[in-house]
N, C-alpha and C. Protein backbone atom coordinates (compact mmCIF):
# COMPACT_ATOMS: atom_id res chain seq x y z
N MET A 1 17.88 69.15 -35.31
CA MET A 1 16.97 68.08 -35.54
C MET A 1 15.88 68.10 -34.48
N ALA A 2 14.72 67.66 -34.93
CA ALA A 2 13.58 67.61 -34.03
C ALA A 2 13.60 66.31 -33.25
N VAL A 3 13.14 66.35 -32.06
CA VAL A 3 13.07 65.17 -31.20
C VAL A 3 11.65 64.63 -31.26
N PHE A 4 11.55 63.33 -31.60
CA PHE A 4 10.24 62.70 -31.68
C PHE A 4 9.94 61.99 -30.36
N THR A 5 8.73 62.14 -29.94
CA THR A 5 8.35 61.50 -28.69
C THR A 5 8.01 60.03 -28.95
N SER A 6 8.15 59.21 -27.92
CA SER A 6 7.84 57.79 -28.08
C SER A 6 6.34 57.53 -27.92
N LYS A 7 5.61 58.52 -27.45
CA LYS A 7 4.17 58.37 -27.28
C LYS A 7 3.49 58.61 -28.61
N LYS A 8 2.65 57.68 -29.03
CA LYS A 8 1.97 57.82 -30.31
C LYS A 8 0.82 58.79 -30.17
N TYR A 9 0.54 59.44 -31.25
CA TYR A 9 -0.59 60.37 -31.25
C TYR A 9 -1.88 59.59 -31.45
N MET A 10 -2.87 59.89 -30.61
CA MET A 10 -4.16 59.25 -30.73
C MET A 10 -5.20 60.36 -30.76
N SER A 11 -6.05 60.31 -31.74
CA SER A 11 -7.06 61.36 -31.86
C SER A 11 -8.03 61.28 -30.68
N GLN A 12 -8.75 62.37 -30.46
CA GLN A 12 -9.69 62.43 -29.35
C GLN A 12 -10.80 61.38 -29.50
N ALA A 13 -11.25 61.10 -30.74
CA ALA A 13 -12.32 60.14 -30.98
C ALA A 13 -11.84 58.71 -30.66
N ARG A 14 -10.61 58.41 -31.01
CA ARG A 14 -10.09 57.06 -30.76
C ARG A 14 -9.72 56.85 -29.31
N SER A 15 -9.34 57.87 -28.60
CA SER A 15 -8.91 57.71 -27.21
C SER A 15 -10.09 57.48 -26.27
N ASN A 16 -11.31 57.76 -26.71
CA ASN A 16 -12.48 57.57 -25.85
C ASN A 16 -13.18 56.23 -26.09
N THR A 17 -12.65 55.38 -26.97
CA THR A 17 -13.28 54.09 -27.22
C THR A 17 -12.98 53.15 -26.05
N TRP A 18 -13.77 52.10 -25.96
CA TRP A 18 -13.61 51.13 -24.89
C TRP A 18 -12.26 50.42 -24.99
N GLY A 19 -11.86 50.08 -26.22
CA GLY A 19 -10.59 49.38 -26.43
C GLY A 19 -9.40 50.20 -26.01
N ALA A 20 -9.42 51.49 -26.30
CA ALA A 20 -8.31 52.37 -25.93
C ALA A 20 -8.21 52.49 -24.42
N ARG A 21 -9.34 52.62 -23.76
CA ARG A 21 -9.33 52.73 -22.30
C ARG A 21 -8.86 51.41 -21.67
N TYR A 22 -9.26 50.29 -22.26
CA TYR A 22 -8.83 48.99 -21.76
C TYR A 22 -7.32 48.82 -21.92
N ARG A 23 -6.78 49.22 -23.06
CA ARG A 23 -5.33 49.10 -23.28
C ARG A 23 -4.54 49.95 -22.31
N SER A 24 -5.01 51.14 -22.04
CA SER A 24 -4.27 51.99 -21.10
C SER A 24 -4.38 51.45 -19.67
N ALA A 25 -5.53 50.90 -19.32
CA ALA A 25 -5.68 50.33 -17.98
C ALA A 25 -4.89 49.03 -17.87
N MET A 26 -4.77 48.30 -18.96
CA MET A 26 -4.03 47.05 -18.98
C MET A 26 -2.55 47.29 -18.72
N ALA A 27 -2.03 48.40 -19.20
CA ALA A 27 -0.62 48.72 -18.95
C ALA A 27 -0.38 48.95 -17.46
N LYS A 28 -1.38 49.45 -16.75
CA LYS A 28 -1.22 49.73 -15.33
C LYS A 28 -1.50 48.50 -14.46
N HIS A 29 -2.50 47.68 -14.82
CA HIS A 29 -2.92 46.53 -14.01
C HIS A 29 -3.08 45.28 -14.89
N PRO A 30 -1.98 44.68 -15.32
CA PRO A 30 -2.10 43.55 -16.25
C PRO A 30 -2.74 42.30 -15.64
N PHE A 31 -2.42 41.95 -14.38
CA PHE A 31 -3.00 40.75 -13.79
C PHE A 31 -4.49 40.90 -13.56
N LEU A 32 -4.89 42.05 -13.08
CA LEU A 32 -6.30 42.27 -12.77
C LEU A 32 -7.17 42.24 -14.02
N LEU A 33 -6.67 42.73 -15.14
CA LEU A 33 -7.48 42.82 -16.35
C LEU A 33 -7.25 41.68 -17.35
N PHE A 34 -6.18 40.91 -17.18
CA PHE A 34 -5.96 39.78 -18.09
C PHE A 34 -5.82 38.46 -17.34
N GLY A 35 -4.92 38.42 -16.37
CA GLY A 35 -4.63 37.17 -15.67
C GLY A 35 -5.79 36.65 -14.85
N LEU A 36 -6.47 37.51 -14.10
CA LEU A 36 -7.58 37.07 -13.27
C LEU A 36 -8.76 36.54 -14.09
N PRO A 37 -9.19 37.22 -15.16
CA PRO A 37 -10.25 36.62 -15.97
C PRO A 37 -9.83 35.30 -16.62
N PHE A 38 -8.58 35.20 -17.02
CA PHE A 38 -8.09 33.97 -17.63
C PHE A 38 -8.14 32.80 -16.64
N LEU A 39 -7.64 33.02 -15.43
CA LEU A 39 -7.68 31.97 -14.41
C LEU A 39 -9.11 31.63 -14.03
N THR A 40 -10.00 32.61 -14.00
CA THR A 40 -11.41 32.36 -13.68
C THR A 40 -12.05 31.45 -14.72
N VAL A 41 -11.76 31.69 -15.99
CA VAL A 41 -12.32 30.85 -17.06
C VAL A 41 -11.77 29.43 -16.97
N ILE A 42 -10.48 29.28 -16.70
CA ILE A 42 -9.87 27.95 -16.61
C ILE A 42 -10.45 27.16 -15.44
N ILE A 43 -10.51 27.77 -14.27
CA ILE A 43 -11.02 27.07 -13.08
C ILE A 43 -12.52 26.83 -13.20
N GLY A 44 -13.26 27.81 -13.69
CA GLY A 44 -14.70 27.64 -13.88
C GLY A 44 -15.01 26.56 -14.90
N GLY A 45 -14.21 26.48 -15.96
CA GLY A 45 -14.39 25.43 -16.97
C GLY A 45 -14.17 24.05 -16.38
N SER A 46 -13.23 23.95 -15.46
CA SER A 46 -13.00 22.67 -14.79
C SER A 46 -14.23 22.23 -14.02
N PHE A 47 -14.86 23.15 -13.30
CA PHE A 47 -16.06 22.80 -12.54
C PHE A 47 -17.24 22.49 -13.46
N VAL A 48 -17.31 23.13 -14.60
CA VAL A 48 -18.42 22.88 -15.53
C VAL A 48 -18.23 21.54 -16.25
N LEU A 49 -17.00 21.21 -16.62
CA LEU A 49 -16.75 19.99 -17.38
C LEU A 49 -16.69 18.72 -16.54
N THR A 50 -16.51 18.83 -15.23
CA THR A 50 -16.44 17.64 -14.37
C THR A 50 -17.72 16.81 -14.43
N PRO A 51 -18.93 17.39 -14.31
CA PRO A 51 -20.14 16.56 -14.42
C PRO A 51 -20.31 15.94 -15.80
N ALA A 52 -19.91 16.66 -16.84
CA ALA A 52 -20.04 16.11 -18.20
C ALA A 52 -19.14 14.89 -18.36
N THR A 53 -17.96 14.93 -17.81
CA THR A 53 -17.05 13.79 -17.88
C THR A 53 -17.59 12.63 -17.06
N ALA A 54 -18.17 12.94 -15.90
CA ALA A 54 -18.74 11.88 -15.05
C ALA A 54 -19.87 11.16 -15.77
N VAL A 55 -20.69 11.90 -16.50
CA VAL A 55 -21.79 11.28 -17.27
C VAL A 55 -21.22 10.33 -18.31
N ARG A 56 -20.14 10.73 -18.93
CA ARG A 56 -19.53 9.89 -19.96
C ARG A 56 -19.08 8.55 -19.38
N TYR A 57 -18.39 8.60 -18.24
CA TYR A 57 -17.88 7.37 -17.65
C TYR A 57 -19.00 6.52 -17.04
N GLU A 58 -20.04 7.14 -16.51
CA GLU A 58 -21.16 6.38 -16.00
C GLU A 58 -21.87 5.63 -17.12
N ARG A 59 -22.01 6.25 -18.24
CA ARG A 59 -22.62 5.61 -19.40
C ARG A 59 -21.79 4.41 -19.87
N TYR A 60 -20.47 4.58 -19.86
CA TYR A 60 -19.58 3.49 -20.25
C TYR A 60 -19.69 2.34 -19.25
N ASP A 61 -19.79 2.64 -17.96
CA ASP A 61 -19.90 1.60 -16.94
C ASP A 61 -21.20 0.83 -17.06
N ARG A 62 -22.28 1.49 -17.46
CA ARG A 62 -23.54 0.78 -17.64
C ARG A 62 -23.44 -0.19 -18.80
N LYS A 63 -22.69 0.18 -19.84
CA LYS A 63 -22.57 -0.65 -21.03
C LYS A 63 -21.65 -1.84 -20.78
N VAL A 64 -20.54 -1.62 -20.09
CA VAL A 64 -19.56 -2.66 -19.85
C VAL A 64 -19.65 -3.06 -18.38
N ARG A 65 -19.97 -4.32 -18.13
CA ARG A 65 -20.07 -4.79 -16.75
C ARG A 65 -19.38 -6.15 -16.66
N GLN A 66 -19.09 -6.56 -15.44
CA GLN A 66 -18.40 -7.82 -15.24
C GLN A 66 -19.40 -8.97 -15.33
N MET A 67 -19.00 -10.03 -16.03
CA MET A 67 -19.88 -11.17 -16.23
C MET A 67 -19.49 -12.30 -15.28
N THR A 68 -20.48 -13.09 -14.93
CA THR A 68 -20.19 -14.28 -14.14
C THR A 68 -19.68 -15.37 -15.07
N ARG A 69 -19.19 -16.46 -14.48
CA ARG A 69 -18.64 -17.55 -15.28
C ARG A 69 -19.72 -18.20 -16.16
N GLU A 70 -20.94 -18.31 -15.65
CA GLU A 70 -22.02 -18.92 -16.42
C GLU A 70 -22.42 -18.04 -17.60
N GLU A 71 -22.47 -16.73 -17.37
CA GLU A 71 -22.80 -15.83 -18.48
C GLU A 71 -21.70 -15.86 -19.54
N GLU A 72 -20.47 -15.99 -19.08
CA GLU A 72 -19.34 -16.01 -20.00
C GLU A 72 -19.40 -17.22 -20.92
N LEU A 73 -19.81 -18.35 -20.37
CA LEU A 73 -19.90 -19.57 -21.16
C LEU A 73 -21.22 -19.67 -21.92
N GLY A 74 -22.11 -18.71 -21.72
CA GLY A 74 -23.37 -18.72 -22.45
C GLY A 74 -24.35 -19.74 -21.95
N ILE A 75 -24.29 -20.05 -20.68
CA ILE A 75 -25.17 -21.08 -20.13
C ILE A 75 -26.27 -20.38 -19.34
N GLY A 76 -27.50 -20.73 -19.66
CA GLY A 76 -28.62 -20.24 -18.88
C GLY A 76 -28.98 -21.26 -17.81
N LYS A 77 -30.15 -21.14 -17.25
CA LYS A 77 -30.59 -22.09 -16.23
C LYS A 77 -30.88 -23.46 -16.83
N SER A 78 -31.22 -23.48 -18.12
CA SER A 78 -31.56 -24.74 -18.76
C SER A 78 -30.34 -25.47 -19.32
N GLY A 79 -29.18 -24.81 -19.41
CA GLY A 79 -28.01 -25.43 -20.01
C GLY A 79 -27.30 -26.38 -19.07
N ARG A 80 -26.45 -27.24 -19.62
CA ARG A 80 -25.73 -28.18 -18.79
C ARG A 80 -24.51 -27.50 -18.18
N LYS A 81 -24.07 -27.94 -17.06
CA LYS A 81 -22.89 -27.40 -16.41
C LYS A 81 -21.65 -27.92 -17.12
N VAL A 82 -20.67 -27.08 -17.25
CA VAL A 82 -19.46 -27.44 -17.98
C VAL A 82 -18.32 -27.61 -17.00
N ASP A 83 -17.61 -28.73 -17.16
CA ASP A 83 -16.41 -28.96 -16.38
C ASP A 83 -15.23 -28.88 -17.35
N ILE A 84 -14.28 -28.04 -17.05
CA ILE A 84 -13.15 -27.80 -17.96
C ILE A 84 -12.36 -29.08 -18.19
N ARG A 85 -12.12 -29.86 -17.13
CA ARG A 85 -11.35 -31.11 -17.29
C ARG A 85 -12.08 -32.10 -18.19
N GLU A 86 -13.37 -32.18 -18.01
CA GLU A 86 -14.15 -33.09 -18.85
C GLU A 86 -14.10 -32.67 -20.31
N GLU A 87 -14.22 -31.40 -20.60
CA GLU A 87 -14.16 -30.91 -21.97
C GLU A 87 -12.79 -31.15 -22.58
N TYR A 88 -11.72 -30.97 -21.78
CA TYR A 88 -10.37 -31.19 -22.28
C TYR A 88 -10.19 -32.65 -22.72
N TYR A 89 -10.57 -33.58 -21.88
CA TYR A 89 -10.41 -34.98 -22.23
C TYR A 89 -11.32 -35.38 -23.37
N ARG A 90 -12.50 -34.79 -23.44
CA ARG A 90 -13.42 -35.12 -24.52
C ARG A 90 -12.85 -34.67 -25.87
N LEU A 91 -12.23 -33.49 -25.92
CA LEU A 91 -11.69 -32.97 -27.18
C LEU A 91 -10.29 -33.51 -27.48
N ALA A 92 -9.46 -33.69 -26.47
CA ALA A 92 -8.07 -34.08 -26.69
C ALA A 92 -7.94 -35.53 -27.13
N TYR A 93 -8.72 -36.41 -26.56
CA TYR A 93 -8.59 -37.84 -26.86
C TYR A 93 -9.72 -38.35 -27.74
N LYS A 94 -10.30 -37.48 -28.51
CA LYS A 94 -11.45 -37.85 -29.33
C LYS A 94 -11.06 -38.87 -30.41
N ASP A 95 -10.13 -38.47 -31.29
CA ASP A 95 -9.78 -39.36 -32.39
C ASP A 95 -8.31 -39.13 -32.73
N LEU A 96 -7.42 -39.72 -31.94
CA LEU A 96 -6.00 -39.48 -32.12
C LEU A 96 -5.39 -40.26 -33.29
N ASP A 97 -5.98 -41.35 -33.69
CA ASP A 97 -5.39 -42.18 -34.73
C ASP A 97 -5.82 -41.79 -36.14
N ASN A 98 -6.86 -41.04 -36.28
CA ASN A 98 -7.39 -40.72 -37.60
C ASN A 98 -7.44 -39.20 -37.78
N TRP A 99 -6.31 -38.65 -38.21
CA TRP A 99 -6.28 -37.20 -38.47
C TRP A 99 -5.45 -36.91 -39.69
N GLU A 100 -5.62 -35.73 -40.24
CA GLU A 100 -4.93 -35.35 -41.47
C GLU A 100 -4.46 -33.90 -41.34
N GLN A 101 -3.20 -33.68 -41.69
CA GLN A 101 -2.66 -32.32 -41.62
C GLN A 101 -3.06 -31.55 -42.87
N LYS A 102 -3.64 -30.37 -42.71
CA LYS A 102 -4.08 -29.56 -43.85
C LYS A 102 -3.43 -28.19 -43.76
N ARG A 103 -2.97 -27.72 -44.92
CA ARG A 103 -2.37 -26.38 -44.97
C ARG A 103 -3.47 -25.33 -45.07
N VAL A 104 -3.20 -24.19 -44.50
CA VAL A 104 -4.13 -23.07 -44.56
C VAL A 104 -3.96 -22.38 -45.90
N LYS A 105 -5.07 -22.05 -46.55
CA LYS A 105 -5.01 -21.36 -47.84
C LYS A 105 -4.47 -19.96 -47.61
N ARG A 106 -3.46 -19.58 -48.41
CA ARG A 106 -2.82 -18.28 -48.26
C ARG A 106 -3.47 -17.25 -49.17
N LEU A 107 -3.34 -15.98 -48.81
CA LEU A 107 -3.82 -14.90 -49.67
C LEU A 107 -2.92 -14.78 -50.89
N PRO A 108 -3.43 -14.24 -52.00
CA PRO A 108 -2.57 -14.07 -53.19
C PRO A 108 -1.39 -13.14 -52.89
N GLY A 109 -0.21 -13.57 -53.25
CA GLY A 109 0.99 -12.77 -53.06
C GLY A 109 1.63 -12.97 -51.70
N GLU A 110 1.01 -13.68 -50.79
CA GLU A 110 1.57 -13.93 -49.47
C GLU A 110 2.49 -15.14 -49.53
N PRO A 111 3.69 -15.05 -48.94
CA PRO A 111 4.58 -16.22 -48.99
C PRO A 111 3.99 -17.36 -48.17
N ASP A 112 4.12 -18.58 -48.70
CA ASP A 112 3.50 -19.72 -48.06
C ASP A 112 4.42 -20.43 -47.07
N GLY A 113 5.65 -20.00 -46.97
CA GLY A 113 6.55 -20.56 -45.98
C GLY A 113 7.28 -21.82 -46.41
N THR A 114 7.11 -22.24 -47.67
CA THR A 114 7.84 -23.43 -48.15
C THR A 114 9.10 -22.97 -48.84
N LEU A 115 10.12 -23.82 -48.78
CA LEU A 115 11.40 -23.46 -49.39
C LEU A 115 11.49 -23.96 -50.81
């Protein structure tokens, strides 16, 4: 019986291509030809994307800012000052003797909670 070699036959034209030379060099130096370019792209991408992310968050910060209490209540310089205790008593003790309980209208098919 004939003994077959484990080395594949490659024609002279195919062995001189860039891909064939890269594959043979890759077998000898895998980190230098694959790992180092890969790590360079990952680390370089981090440095490139950091300013883009910073722009995104700066834009968000310009849009969303902390409001003062007067801005929150919608009071300008011409508006009256609001006292929480005064508003509570004004609304709570307005008309305690004359009120009516009303049910909320339910959506069709929604249980109304009555037995």
